[in-house]
Amino acid sequence: MTDPTDPGSQEPPHPPETPKRRPQQRKQVLLRLDPAVYEALARWAGDELRSANAQIEFLLRQALADAGRLPRNTGPLPRRGRPPVSEP
């Protein structure tokens, strides 16, 4: 058996373990909108059962995809609605 720490060893050393990926945190952005624009956005979001924040993200992703600028590594949109209730 060969010693992997021996420089003359025939076996290549084991590759270092890759660090576990942490979920990316979502960026926070301060957005200033005309009150009438916000009201229209909030109504539209309500019609689609989304928050105003989720509606903004949905529209931005759609615009980026339409323009061919949505990064490939972009994760899916978070699911709409409340998470399922787990049984005790």
PDB file of N, CA and C in Angstrom:
ATOM      1  N   MET A   1       0.848  -1.179   0.000  1.00  0.00           N
ATOM      2  CA  MET A   1       0.000   0.000   0.000  1.00  0.00           C
ATOM      3  C   MET A   1       0.889   1.236   0.000  1.00  0.00           C
ATOM      4  N   THR A   2       0.476   2.264  -0.744  1.00  0.00           N
ATOM      5  CA  THR A   2       1.295   3.465  -0.841  1.00  0.00           C
ATOM      6  C   THR A   2       0.753   4.548   0.068  1.00  0.00           C
ATOM      7  N   ASP A   3       1.648   5.394   0.499  1.00  0.00           N
ATOM      8  CA  ASP A   3       1.284   6.495   1.387  1.00  0.00           C
ATOM      9  C   ASP A   3       0.937   7.713   0.529  1.00  0.00           C
ATOM     10  N   PRO A   4      -0.315   8.232   0.601  1.00  0.00           N
ATOM     11  CA  PRO A   4      -0.685   9.366  -0.241  1.00  0.00           C
ATOM     12  C   PRO A   4       0.087  10.641   0.075  1.00  0.00           C
ATOM     13  N   THR A   5       0.709  10.732   1.255  1.00  0.00           N
ATOM     14  CA  THR A   5       1.488  11.927   1.590  1.00  0.00           C
ATOM     15  C   THR A   5       2.917  11.830   1.082  1.00  0.00           C
ATOM     16  N   ASP A   6       3.339  10.649   0.640  1.00  0.00           N
ATOM     17  CA  ASP A   6       4.684  10.439   0.114  1.00  0.00           C
ATOM     18  C   ASP A   6       4.772  11.053  -1.282  1.00  0.00           C
ATOM     19  N   PRO A   7       5.725  11.981  -1.531  1.00  0.00           N
ATOM     20  CA  PRO A   7       5.816  12.613  -2.845  1.00  0.00           C
ATOM     21  C   PRO A   7       6.097  11.619  -3.965  1.00  0.00           C
ATOM     22  N   GLY A   8       6.682  10.490  -3.680  1.00  0.00           N
ATOM     23  CA  GLY A   8       6.972   9.493  -4.700  1.00  0.00           C
ATOM     24  C   GLY A   8       5.835   8.512  -4.895  1.00  0.00           C
ATOM     25  N   SER A   9       4.728   8.723  -4.267  1.00  0.00           N
ATOM     26  CA  SER A   9       3.588   7.815  -4.338  1.00  0.00           C
ATOM     27  C   SER A   9       2.994   7.800  -5.741  1.00  0.00           C
ATOM     28  N   GLN A  10       2.513   6.629  -6.161  1.00  0.00           N
ATOM     29  CA  GLN A  10       1.892   6.483  -7.467  1.00  0.00           C
ATOM     30  C   GLN A  10       0.435   6.943  -7.469  1.00  0.00           C
ATOM     31  N   GLU A  11      -0.245   6.896  -6.310  1.00  0.00           N
ATOM     32  CA  GLU A  11      -1.656   7.268  -6.243  1.00  0.00           C
ATOM     33  C   GLU A  11      -1.788   8.785  -6.133  1.00  0.00           C
ATOM     34  N   PRO A  12      -2.707   9.364  -6.902  1.00  0.00           N
ATOM     35  CA  PRO A  12      -2.914  10.809  -6.745  1.00  0.00           C
ATOM     36  C   PRO A  12      -3.591  11.087  -5.410  1.00  0.00           C
ATOM     37  N   PRO A  13      -3.271  12.212  -4.792  1.00  0.00           N
ATOM     38  CA  PRO A  13      -3.920  12.527  -3.509  1.00  0.00           C
ATOM     39  C   PRO A  13      -5.416  12.745  -3.726  1.00  0.00           C
ATOM     40  N   HIS A  14      -6.183  12.513  -2.666  1.00  0.00           N
ATOM     41  CA  HIS A  14      -7.626  12.726  -2.747  1.00  0.00           C
ATOM     42  C   HIS A  14      -7.902  14.212  -2.921  1.00  0.00           C
ATOM     43  N   PRO A  15      -8.877  14.547  -3.775  1.00  0.00           N
ATOM     44  CA  PRO A  15      -9.183  15.977  -3.928  1.00  0.00           C
ATOM     45  C   PRO A  15      -9.785  16.523  -2.642  1.00  0.00           C
ATOM     46  N   PRO A  16      -9.530  17.777  -2.354  1.00  0.00           N
ATOM     47  CA  PRO A  16     -10.116  18.350  -1.134  1.00  0.00           C
ATOM     48  C   PRO A  16     -11.637  18.365  -1.251  1.00  0.00           C
ATOM     49  N   GLU A  17     -12.292  18.251  -0.100  1.00  0.00           N
ATOM     50  CA  GLU A  17     -13.751  18.265  -0.103  1.00  0.00           C
ATOM     51  C   GLU A  17     -14.240  19.641  -0.527  1.00  0.00           C
ATOM     52  N   THR A  18     -15.273  19.640  -1.353  1.00  0.00           N
ATOM     53  CA  THR A  18     -15.839  20.917  -1.766  1.00  0.00           C
ATOM     54  C   THR A  18     -16.723  21.441  -0.642  1.00  0.00           C
ATOM     55  N   PRO A  19     -16.663  22.729  -0.380  1.00  0.00           N
ATOM     56  CA  PRO A  19     -17.505  23.267   0.696  1.00  0.00           C
ATOM     57  C   PRO A  19     -18.974  23.146   0.321  1.00  0.00           C
ATOM     58  N   LYS A  20     -19.799  22.917   1.328  1.00  0.00           N
ATOM     59  CA  LYS A  20     -21.235  22.812   1.083  1.00  0.00           C
ATOM     60  C   LYS A  20     -21.767  24.194   0.741  1.00  0.00           C
ATOM     61  N   ARG A  21     -22.632  24.223  -0.262  1.00  0.00           N
ATOM     62  CA  ARG A  21     -23.203  25.499  -0.681  1.00  0.00           C
ATOM     63  C   ARG A  21     -24.278  25.939   0.290  1.00  0.00           C
ATOM     64  N   ARG A  22     -24.153  27.164   0.714  1.00  0.00           N
ATOM     65  CA  ARG A  22     -25.199  27.752   1.546  1.00  0.00           C
ATOM     66  C   ARG A  22     -26.217  28.388   0.614  1.00  0.00           C
ATOM     67  N   PRO A  23     -27.489  28.341   0.985  1.00  0.00           N
ATOM     68  CA  PRO A  23     -28.474  29.008   0.136  1.00  0.00           C
ATOM     69  C   PRO A  23     -28.170  30.498   0.052  1.00  0.00           C
ATOM     70  N   GLN A  24     -28.313  31.032  -1.142  1.00  0.00           N
ATOM     71  CA  GLN A  24     -28.048  32.458  -1.301  1.00  0.00           C
ATOM     72  C   GLN A  24     -29.112  33.260  -0.579  1.00  0.00           C
ATOM     73  N   GLN A  25     -28.654  34.284   0.082  1.00  0.00           N
ATOM     74  CA  GLN A  25     -29.610  35.169   0.729  1.00  0.00           C
ATOM     75  C   GLN A  25     -30.169  36.109  -0.324  1.00  0.00           C
ATOM     76  N   ARG A  26     -31.384  36.492  -0.123  1.00  0.00           N
ATOM     77  CA  ARG A  26     -32.038  37.384  -1.070  1.00  0.00           C
ATOM     78  C   ARG A  26     -31.567  38.814  -0.807  1.00  0.00           C
ATOM     79  N   LYS A  27     -31.337  39.539  -1.872  1.00  0.00           N
ATOM     80  CA  LYS A  27     -30.895  40.931  -1.771  1.00  0.00           C
ATOM     81  C   LYS A  27     -32.073  41.819  -1.399  1.00  0.00           C
ATOM     82  N   GLN A  28     -31.793  42.800  -0.577  1.00  0.00           N
ATOM     83  CA  GLN A  28     -32.808  43.781  -0.209  1.00  0.00           C
ATOM     84  C   GLN A  28     -32.539  45.056  -0.997  1.00  0.00           C
ATOM     85  N   VAL A  29     -33.600  45.614  -1.564  1.00  0.00           N
ATOM     86  CA  VAL A  29     -33.478  46.808  -2.390  1.00  0.00           C
ATOM     87  C   VAL A  29     -34.521  47.824  -1.949  1.00  0.00           C
ATOM     88  N   LEU A  30     -34.082  49.041  -1.750  1.00  0.00           N
ATOM     89  CA  LEU A  30     -35.014  50.124  -1.456  1.00  0.00           C
ATOM     90  C   LEU A  30     -35.501  50.664  -2.793  1.00  0.00           C
ATOM     91  N   LEU A  31     -36.804  50.669  -2.991  1.00  0.00           N
ATOM     92  CA  LEU A  31     -37.378  51.104  -4.261  1.00  0.00           C
ATOM     93  C   LEU A  31     -38.360  52.239  -3.998  1.00  0.00           C
ATOM     94  N   ARG A  32     -38.146  53.346  -4.653  1.00  0.00           N
ATOM     95  CA  ARG A  32     -39.052  54.488  -4.504  1.00  0.00           C
ATOM     96  C   ARG A  32     -39.970  54.519  -5.725  1.00  0.00           C
ATOM     97  N   LEU A  33     -41.277  54.496  -5.464  1.00  0.00           N
ATOM     98  CA  LEU A  33     -42.260  54.491  -6.541  1.00  0.00           C
ATOM     99  C   LEU A  33     -43.249  55.630  -6.357  1.00  0.00           C
ATOM    100  N   ASP A  34     -43.790  56.084  -7.455  1.00  0.00           N
ATOM    101  CA  ASP A  34     -44.904  57.021  -7.416  1.00  0.00           C
ATOM    102  C   ASP A  34     -46.061  56.315  -6.706  1.00  0.00           C
ATOM    103  N   PRO A  35     -46.751  56.974  -5.801  1.00  0.00           N
ATOM    104  CA  PRO A  35     -47.839  56.317  -5.069  1.00  0.00           C
ATOM    105  C   PRO A  35     -48.902  55.696  -5.977  1.00  0.00           C
ATOM    106  N   ALA A  36     -49.219  56.347  -7.090  1.00  0.00           N
ATOM    107  CA  ALA A  36     -50.221  55.791  -8.005  1.00  0.00           C
ATOM    108  C   ALA A  36     -49.709  54.510  -8.663  1.00  0.00           C
ATOM    109  N   VAL A  37     -48.414  54.485  -8.980  1.00  0.00           N
ATOM    110  CA  VAL A  37     -47.824  53.276  -9.565  1.00  0.00           C
ATOM    111  C   VAL A  37     -47.850  52.146  -8.545  1.00  0.00           C
ATOM    112  N   TYR A  38     -47.513  52.462  -7.302  1.00  0.00           N
ATOM    113  CA  TYR A  38     -47.543  51.427  -6.261  1.00  0.00           C
ATOM    114  C   TYR A  38     -48.957  50.887  -6.064  1.00  0.00           C
ATOM    115  N   GLU A  39     -49.949  51.768  -6.044  1.00  0.00           N
ATOM    116  CA  GLU A  39     -51.334  51.319  -5.865  1.00  0.00           C
ATOM    117  C   GLU A  39     -51.756  50.394  -7.002  1.00  0.00           C
ATOM    118  N   ALA A  40     -51.403  50.745  -8.229  1.00  0.00           N
ATOM    119  CA  ALA A  40     -51.738  49.890  -9.375  1.00  0.00           C
ATOM    120  C   ALA A  40     -51.022  48.549  -9.261  1.00  0.00           C
ATOM    121  N   LEU A  41     -49.761  48.585  -8.854  1.00  0.00           N
ATOM    122  CA  LEU A  41     -48.989  47.355  -8.677  1.00  0.00           C
ATOM    123  C   LEU A  41     -49.585  46.490  -7.575  1.00  0.00           C
ATOM    124  N   ALA A  42     -49.968  47.108  -6.473  1.00  0.00           N
ATOM    125  CA  ALA A  42     -50.550  46.365  -5.354  1.00  0.00           C
ATOM    126  C   ALA A  42     -51.880  45.725  -5.755  1.00  0.00           C
ATOM    127  N   ARG A  43     -52.698  46.439  -6.533  1.00  0.00           N
ATOM    128  CA  ARG A  43     -53.964  45.856  -7.007  1.00  0.00           C
ATOM    129  C   ARG A  43     -53.700  44.663  -7.919  1.00  0.00           C
ATOM    130  N   TRP A  44     -52.740  44.819  -8.844  1.00  0.00           N
ATOM    131  CA  TRP A  44     -52.388  43.739  -9.764  1.00  0.00           C
ATOM    132  C   TRP A  44     -51.868  42.542  -8.975  1.00  0.00           C
ATOM    133  N   ALA A  45     -51.013  42.792  -8.005  1.00  0.00           N
ATOM    134  CA  ALA A  45     -50.477  41.710  -7.171  1.00  0.00           C
ATOM    135  C   ALA A  45     -51.609  40.998  -6.445  1.00  0.00           C
ATOM    136  N   GLY A  46     -52.550  41.748  -5.901  1.00  0.00           N
ATOM    137  CA  GLY A  46     -53.685  41.144  -5.213  1.00  0.00           C
ATOM    138  C   GLY A  46     -54.523  40.282  -6.137  1.00  0.00           C
ATOM    139  N   ASP A  47     -54.702  40.728  -7.374  1.00  0.00           N
ATOM    140  CA  ASP A  47     -55.460  39.939  -8.353  1.00  0.00           C
ATOM    141  C   ASP A  47     -54.785  38.600  -8.634  1.00  0.00           C
ATOM    142  N   GLU A  48     -53.453  38.567  -8.531  1.00  0.00           N
ATOM    143  CA  GLU A  48     -52.695  37.347  -8.811  1.00  0.00           C
ATOM    144  C   GLU A  48     -52.298  36.612  -7.535  1.00  0.00           C
ATOM    145  N   LEU A  49     -52.850  37.044  -6.411  1.00  0.00           N
ATOM    146  CA  LEU A  49     -52.577  36.428  -5.104  1.00  0.00           C
ATOM    147  C   LEU A  49     -51.096  36.458  -4.751  1.00  0.00           C
ATOM    148  N   ARG A  50     -50.455  37.572  -5.047  1.00  0.00           N
ATOM    149  CA  ARG A  50     -49.050  37.779  -4.702  1.00  0.00           C
ATOM    150  C   ARG A  50     -48.940  39.028  -3.846  1.00  0.00           C
ATOM    151  N   SER A  51     -47.830  39.131  -3.138  1.00  0.00           N
ATOM    152  CA  SER A  51     -47.513  40.387  -2.459  1.00  0.00           C
ATOM    153  C   SER A  51     -46.968  41.357  -3.507  1.00  0.00           C
ATOM    154  N   ALA A  52     -46.926  42.628  -3.162  1.00  0.00           N
ATOM    155  CA  ALA A  52     -46.357  43.610  -4.084  1.00  0.00           C
ATOM    156  C   ALA A  52     -44.893  43.270  -4.368  1.00  0.00           C
ATOM    157  N   ASN A  53     -44.159  42.832  -3.350  1.00  0.00           N
ATOM    158  CA  ASN A  53     -42.757  42.462  -3.530  1.00  0.00           C
ATOM    159  C   ASN A  53     -42.619  41.287  -4.501  1.00  0.00           C
ATOM    160  N   ALA A  54     -43.447  40.260  -4.330  1.00  0.00           N
ATOM    161  CA  ALA A  54     -43.391  39.092  -5.219  1.00  0.00           C
ATOM    162  C   ALA A  54     -43.782  39.479  -6.642  1.00  0.00           C
ATOM    163  N   GLN A  55     -44.727  40.400  -6.770  1.00  0.00           N
ATOM    164  CA  GLN A  55     -45.144  40.843  -8.106  1.00  0.00           C
ATOM    165  C   GLN A  55     -44.008  41.578  -8.802  1.00  0.00           C
ATOM    166  N   ILE A  56     -43.292  42.421  -8.068  1.00  0.00           N
ATOM    167  CA  ILE A  56     -42.151  43.131  -8.646  1.00  0.00           C
ATOM    168  C   ILE A  56     -41.102  42.129  -9.111  1.00  0.00           C
ATOM    169  N   GLU A  57     -40.782  41.140  -8.276  1.00  0.00           N
ATOM    170  CA  GLU A  57     -39.783  40.144  -8.676  1.00  0.00           C
ATOM    171  C   GLU A  57     -40.260  39.355  -9.887  1.00  0.00           C
ATOM    172  N   PHE A  58     -41.530  38.973  -9.914  1.00  0.00           N
ATOM    173  CA  PHE A  58     -42.084  38.236 -11.048  1.00  0.00           C
ATOM    174  C   PHE A  58     -41.933  39.048 -12.337  1.00  0.00           C
ATOM    175  N   LEU A  59     -42.306  40.322 -12.279  1.00  0.00           N
ATOM    176  CA  LEU A  59     -42.231  41.172 -13.467  1.00  0.00           C
ATOM    177  C   LEU A  59     -40.789  41.412 -13.909  1.00  0.00           C
ATOM    178  N   LEU A  60     -39.889  41.596 -12.949  1.00  0.00           N
ATOM    179  CA  LEU A  60     -38.478  41.786 -13.304  1.00  0.00           C
ATOM    180  C   LEU A  60     -37.895  40.537 -13.954  1.00  0.00           C
ATOM    181  N   ARG A  61     -38.206  39.372 -13.404  1.00  0.00           N
ATOM    182  CA  ARG A  61     -37.714  38.123 -14.001  1.00  0.00           C
ATOM    183  C   ARG A  61     -38.270  37.936 -15.412  1.00  0.00           C
ATOM    184  N   GLN A  62     -39.554  38.245 -15.583  1.00  0.00           N
ATOM    185  CA  GLN A  62     -40.184  38.110 -16.895  1.00  0.00           C
ATOM    186  C   GLN A  62     -39.514  39.052 -17.903  1.00  0.00           C
ATOM    187  N   ALA A  63     -39.257  40.290 -17.496  1.00  0.00           N
ATOM    188  CA  ALA A  63     -38.605  41.256 -18.381  1.00  0.00           C
ATOM    189  C   ALA A  63     -37.180  40.819 -18.718  1.00  0.00           C
ATOM    190  N   LEU A  64     -36.450  40.315 -17.726  1.00  0.00           N
ATOM    191  CA  LEU A  64     -35.088  39.831 -17.978  1.00  0.00           C
ATOM    192  C   LEU A  64     -35.094  38.641 -18.937  1.00  0.00           C
ATOM    193  N   ALA A  65     -36.028  37.717 -18.743  1.00  0.00           N
ATOM    194  CA  ALA A  65     -36.119  36.548 -19.626  1.00  0.00           C
ATOM    195  C   ALA A  65     -36.473  36.979 -21.049  1.00  0.00           C
ATOM    196  N   ASP A  66     -37.429  37.888 -21.190  1.00  0.00           N
ATOM    197  CA  ASP A  66     -37.828  38.370 -22.517  1.00  0.00           C
ATOM    198  C   ASP A  66     -36.673  39.054 -23.239  1.00  0.00           C
ATOM    199  N   ALA A  67     -35.806  39.723 -22.484  1.00  0.00           N
ATOM    200  CA  ALA A  67     -34.664  40.424 -23.074  1.00  0.00           C
ATOM    201  C   ALA A  67     -33.450  39.514 -23.235  1.00  0.00           C
ATOM    202  N   GLY A  68     -33.575  38.256 -22.803  1.00  0.00           N
ATOM    203  CA  GLY A  68     -32.441  37.334 -22.894  1.00  0.00           C
ATOM    204  C   GLY A  68     -31.348  37.643 -21.895  1.00  0.00           C
ATOM    205  N   ARG A  69     -31.693  38.262 -20.780  1.00  0.00           N
ATOM    206  CA  ARG A  69     -30.699  38.674 -19.788  1.00  0.00           C
ATOM    207  C   ARG A  69     -30.847  37.974 -18.446  1.00  0.00           C
ATOM    208  N   LEU A  70     -31.768  37.022 -18.339  1.00  0.00           N
ATOM    209  CA  LEU A  70     -31.937  36.296 -17.079  1.00  0.00           C
ATOM    210  C   LEU A  70     -30.783  35.311 -16.934  1.00  0.00           C
ATOM    211  N   PRO A  71     -29.979  35.407 -15.870  1.00  0.00           N
ATOM    212  CA  PRO A  71     -28.844  34.493 -15.702  1.00  0.00           C
ATOM    213  C   PRO A  71     -29.306  33.036 -15.629  1.00  0.00           C
ATOM    214  N   ARG A  72     -28.483  32.142 -16.171  1.00  0.00           N
ATOM    215  CA  ARG A  72     -28.826  30.714 -16.187  1.00  0.00           C
ATOM    216  C   ARG A  72     -28.894  30.118 -14.789  1.00  0.00           C
ATOM    217  N   ASN A  73     -28.101  30.634 -13.877  1.00  0.00           N
ATOM    218  CA  ASN A  73     -28.053  30.059 -12.527  1.00  0.00           C
ATOM    219  C   ASN A  73     -29.123  30.633 -11.605  1.00  0.00           C
ATOM    220  N   THR A  74     -30.093  31.346 -12.165  1.00  0.00           N
ATOM    221  CA  THR A  74     -31.165  31.917 -11.357  1.00  0.00           C
ATOM    222  C   THR A  74     -32.077  30.804 -10.871  1.00  0.00           C
ATOM    223  N   GLY A  75     -32.320  30.792  -9.581  1.00  0.00           N
ATOM    224  CA  GLY A  75     -33.200  29.780  -9.011  1.00  0.00           C
ATOM    225  C   GLY A  75     -34.649  30.062  -9.367  1.00  0.00           C
ATOM    226  N   PRO A  76     -35.502  29.093  -9.110  1.00  0.00           N
ATOM    227  CA  PRO A  76     -36.917  29.297  -9.410  1.00  0.00           C
ATOM    228  C   PRO A  76     -37.534  30.309  -8.452  1.00  0.00           C
ATOM    229  N   LEU A  77     -38.647  30.857  -8.866  1.00  0.00           N
ATOM    230  CA  LEU A  77     -39.379  31.755  -7.977  1.00  0.00           C
ATOM    231  C   LEU A  77     -39.870  30.971  -6.780  1.00  0.00           C
ATOM    232  N   PRO A  78     -39.864  31.568  -5.611  1.00  0.00           N
ATOM    233  CA  PRO A  78     -40.436  30.876  -4.451  1.00  0.00           C
ATOM    234  C   PRO A  78     -41.909  30.571  -4.712  1.00  0.00           C
ATOM    235  N   ARG A  79     -42.382  29.475  -4.140  1.00  0.00           N
ATOM    236  CA  ARG A  79     -43.773  29.076  -4.348  1.00  0.00           C
ATOM    237  C   ARG A  79     -44.719  30.116  -3.783  1.00  0.00           C
ATOM    238  N   ARG A  80     -45.846  30.264  -4.451  1.00  0.00           N
ATOM    239  CA  ARG A  80     -46.861  31.206  -3.996  1.00  0.00           C
ATOM    240  C   ARG A  80     -47.660  30.593  -2.861  1.00  0.00           C
ATOM    241  N   GLY A  81     -48.187  31.450  -2.021  1.00  0.00           N
ATOM    242  CA  GLY A  81     -49.073  31.005  -0.959  1.00  0.00           C
ATOM    243  C   GLY A  81     -48.335  30.617   0.301  1.00  0.00           C
ATOM    244  N   ARG A  82     -49.110  30.198   1.258  1.00  0.00           N
ATOM    245  CA  ARG A  82     -48.545  29.797   2.540  1.00  0.00           C
ATOM    246  C   ARG A  82     -47.971  28.397   2.442  1.00  0.00           C
ATOM    247  N   PRO A  83     -46.936  28.114   3.234  1.00  0.00           N
ATOM    248  CA  PRO A  83     -46.392  26.755   3.229  1.00  0.00           C
ATOM    249  C   PRO A  83     -47.420  25.791   3.809  1.00  0.00           C
ATOM    250  N   PRO A  84     -47.368  24.523   3.396  1.00  0.00           N
ATOM    251  CA  PRO A  84     -48.331  23.556   3.926  1.00  0.00           C
ATOM    252  C   PRO A  84     -48.164  23.392   5.431  1.00  0.00           C
ATOM    253  N   VAL A  85     -49.269  23.166   6.095  1.00  0.00           N
ATOM    254  CA  VAL A  85     -49.255  22.973   7.542  1.00  0.00           C
ATOM    255  C   VAL A  85     -48.771  21.558   7.818  1.00  0.00           C
ATOM    256  N   SER A  86     -47.728  21.450   8.632  1.00  0.00           N
ATOM    257  CA  SER A  86     -47.231  20.117   8.981  1.00  0.00           C
ATOM    258  C   SER A  86     -48.016  19.600  10.176  1.00  0.00           C
ATOM    259  N   GLU A  87     -48.249  18.305  10.158  1.00  0.00           N
ATOM    260  CA  GLU A  87     -49.014  17.707  11.254  1.00  0.00           C
ATOM    261  C   GLU A  87     -48.130  17.581  12.488  1.00  0.00           C
ATOM    262  N   PRO A  88     -48.701  17.790  13.692  1.00  0.00           N
ATOM    263  CA  PRO A  88     -47.889  17.721  14.923  1.00  0.00           C
ATOM    264  C   PRO A  88     -47.456  16.324  15.249  1.00  0.00           C
TER     265      PRO A  88
END
